[in-house]
C-alpha atoms as a PDB file:
ATOM      1  CA  MET A   1     -52.422  49.014 148.591  1.00  0.00           C
ATOM      2  CA  ARG A   2     -52.120  45.892 151.430  1.00  0.00           C
ATOM      3  CA  THR A   3     -50.680  42.852 150.010  1.00  0.00           C
ATOM      4  CA  LEU A   4     -53.287  39.736 150.082  1.00  0.00           C
ATOM      5  CA  LYS A   5     -51.494  38.567 152.996  1.00  0.00           C
ATOM      6  CA  GLU A   6     -51.894  41.536 154.768  1.00  0.00           C
ATOM      7  CA  LEU A   7     -55.561  41.400 153.963  1.00  0.00           C
ATOM      8  CA  TYR A   8     -55.934  37.810 155.576  1.00  0.00           C
ATOM      9  CA  ASN A   9     -54.250  38.288 158.624  1.00  0.00           C
ATOM     10  CA  ALA A  10     -56.204  41.696 159.113  1.00  0.00           C
ATOM     11  CA  ASN A  11     -59.368  39.430 159.043  1.00  0.00           C
ATOM     12  CA  VAL A  12     -61.758  42.216 157.386  1.00  0.00           C
ATOM     13  CA  ASP A  13     -63.936  42.671 154.283  1.00  0.00           C
ATOM     14  CA  VAL A  14     -62.097  43.212 151.013  1.00  0.00           C
ATOM     15  CA  ARG A  15     -63.225  45.545 148.507  1.00  0.00           C
ATOM     16  CA  ASP A  16     -62.887  44.456 144.836  1.00  0.00           C
ATOM     17  CA  SER A  17     -60.183  47.108 144.387  1.00  0.00           C
ATOM     18  CA  ASP A  18     -58.128  45.151 147.036  1.00  0.00           C
ATOM     19  CA  ILE A  19     -57.747  42.235 145.040  1.00  0.00           C
ATOM     20  CA  PRO A  20     -54.866  42.245 142.865  1.00  0.00           C
ATOM     21  CA  VAL A  21     -55.276  42.116 138.713  1.00  0.00           C
ATOM     22  CA  GLU A  22     -53.415  38.755 138.268  1.00  0.00           C
ATOM     23  CA  TRP A  23     -55.755  37.291 141.058  1.00  0.00           C
ATOM     24  CA  LYS A  24     -59.111  38.674 139.891  1.00  0.00           C
ATOM     25  CA  GLU A  25     -60.038  35.820 137.604  1.00  0.00           C
ATOM     26  CA  SER A  26     -59.394  33.296 140.180  1.00  0.00           C
ATOM     27  CA  PHE A  27     -61.203  35.363 143.030  1.00  0.00           C
ATOM     28  CA  GLY A  28     -64.182  35.800 140.802  1.00  0.00           C
ATOM     29  CA  LYS A  29     -64.518  31.961 140.039  1.00  0.00           C
ATOM     30  CA  PHE A  30     -64.316  31.449 143.754  1.00  0.00           C
ATOM     31  CA  MET A  31     -66.853  34.008 144.454  1.00  0.00           C
ATOM     32  CA  MET A  32     -69.430  32.943 142.009  1.00  0.00           C
ATOM     33  CA  GLY A  33     -72.781  32.142 143.660  1.00  0.00           C
ATOM     34  CA  GLN A  34     -71.191  33.568 146.982  1.00  0.00           C
ATOM     35  CA  THR A  35     -73.216  36.660 149.007  1.00  0.00           C
ATOM     36  CA  CYS A  36     -71.315  39.876 148.890  1.00  0.00           C
ATOM     37  CA  SER A  37     -72.369  43.503 149.476  1.00  0.00           C
ATOM     38  CA  ALA A  38     -72.010  46.684 147.567  1.00  0.00           C
ATOM     39  CA  GLU A  39     -70.845  50.578 147.946  1.00  0.00           C
ATOM     40  CA  VAL A  40     -73.622  52.202 146.176  1.00  0.00           C
ATOM     41  CA  ASP A  41     -73.954  55.801 144.875  1.00  0.00           C
ATOM     42  CA  GLU A  42     -76.585  58.336 145.499  1.00  0.00           C
ATOM     43  CA  ASP A  43     -78.714  56.991 142.435  1.00  0.00           C
ATOM     44  CA  GLY A  44     -78.362  53.532 143.613  1.00  0.00           C
ATOM     45  CA  ASN A  45     -75.785  52.386 141.045  1.00  0.00           C
ATOM     46  CA  ILE A  46     -73.024  49.838 142.221  1.00  0.00           C
ATOM     47  CA  LYS A  47     -69.709  51.793 142.738  1.00  0.00           C
ATOM     48  CA  GLU A  48     -67.597  48.688 144.411  1.00  0.00           C
ATOM     49  CA  PHE A  49     -68.467  45.304 145.324  1.00  0.00           C
ATOM     50  CA  ILE A  50     -67.510  44.309 148.928  1.00  0.00           C
ATOM     51  CA  TYR A  51     -66.595  40.638 150.072  1.00  0.00           C
ATOM     52  CA  TYR A  52     -66.936  39.124 153.000  1.00  0.00           C
ATOM     53  CA  ALA A  53     -63.947  38.109 155.240  1.00  0.00           C
ATOM     54  CA  CYS A  54     -64.747  34.695 155.565  1.00  0.00           C
ATOM     55  CA  ASP A  55     -64.947  34.224 151.839  1.00  0.00           C
ATOM     56  CA  PHE A  56     -61.738  35.833 150.955  1.00  0.00           C
ATOM     57  CA  ARG A  57     -60.195  33.916 153.709  1.00  0.00           C
ATOM     58  CA  GLY A  58     -61.189  30.568 152.539  1.00  0.00           C
ATOM     59  CA  TRP A  59     -60.261  31.695 148.953  1.00  0.00           C
ATOM     60  CA  TYR A  60     -56.949  32.806 150.079  1.00  0.00           C
ATOM     61  CA  PHE A  61     -56.172  29.540 152.365  1.00  0.00           C
ATOM     62  CA  GLN A  62     -56.989  27.634 148.792  1.00  0.00           C
ATOM     63  CA  ASN A  63     -54.281  29.619 146.964  1.00  0.00           C
ATOM     64  CA  LYS A  64     -51.969  30.570 149.778  1.00  0.00           C
ATOM     65  CA  GLU A  65     -48.953  28.442 148.604  1.00  0.00           C
ATOM     66  CA  ALA A  66     -49.081  30.599 145.229  1.00  0.00           C
ATOM     67  CA  ILE A  67     -50.001  34.080 146.582  1.00  0.00           C
ATOM     68  CA  GLU A  68     -47.115  33.755 149.440  1.00  0.00           C
ATOM     69  CA  ARG A  69     -44.837  32.860 146.742  1.00  0.00           C
ATOM     70  CA  ASP A  70     -45.981  35.784 144.487  1.00  0.00           C
ATOM     71  CA  ILE A  71     -45.433  37.967 147.298  1.00  0.00           C
ATOM     72  CA  LYS A  72     -41.723  37.175 148.084  1.00  0.00           C
ATOM     73  CA  ILE A  73     -40.895  37.337 144.274  1.00  0.00           C
ATOM     74  CA  ASP A  74     -42.353  40.819 144.297  1.00  0.00           C
ATOM     75  CA  ASN A  75     -40.057  41.707 147.747  1.00  0.00           C
ATOM     76  CA  VAL A  76     -36.800  40.265 145.932  1.00  0.00           C
ATOM     77  CA  LEU A  77     -37.804  42.341 142.813  1.00  0.00           C
ATOM     78  CA  LYS A  78     -38.269  45.349 144.911  1.00  0.00           C
ATOM     79  CA  SER A  79     -35.125  45.077 146.780  1.00  0.00           C
END
């Protein structure tokens, strides 16, 4: 799984499963009222939401300091 910073740098649409659990609430509040697309199954049921890169990048920019601090902490703990 790519980090939020890697997704930001890739400038790609982001799937709901790409957002870590600890950031889902913040991202969900930011996305309230925004447009997104969805992956659907054969019966038309939504499997997963897909968020546009521009919206993800806006949210990331607003939370950049905290996100990158968490990434640094994770990297230190892994080594």
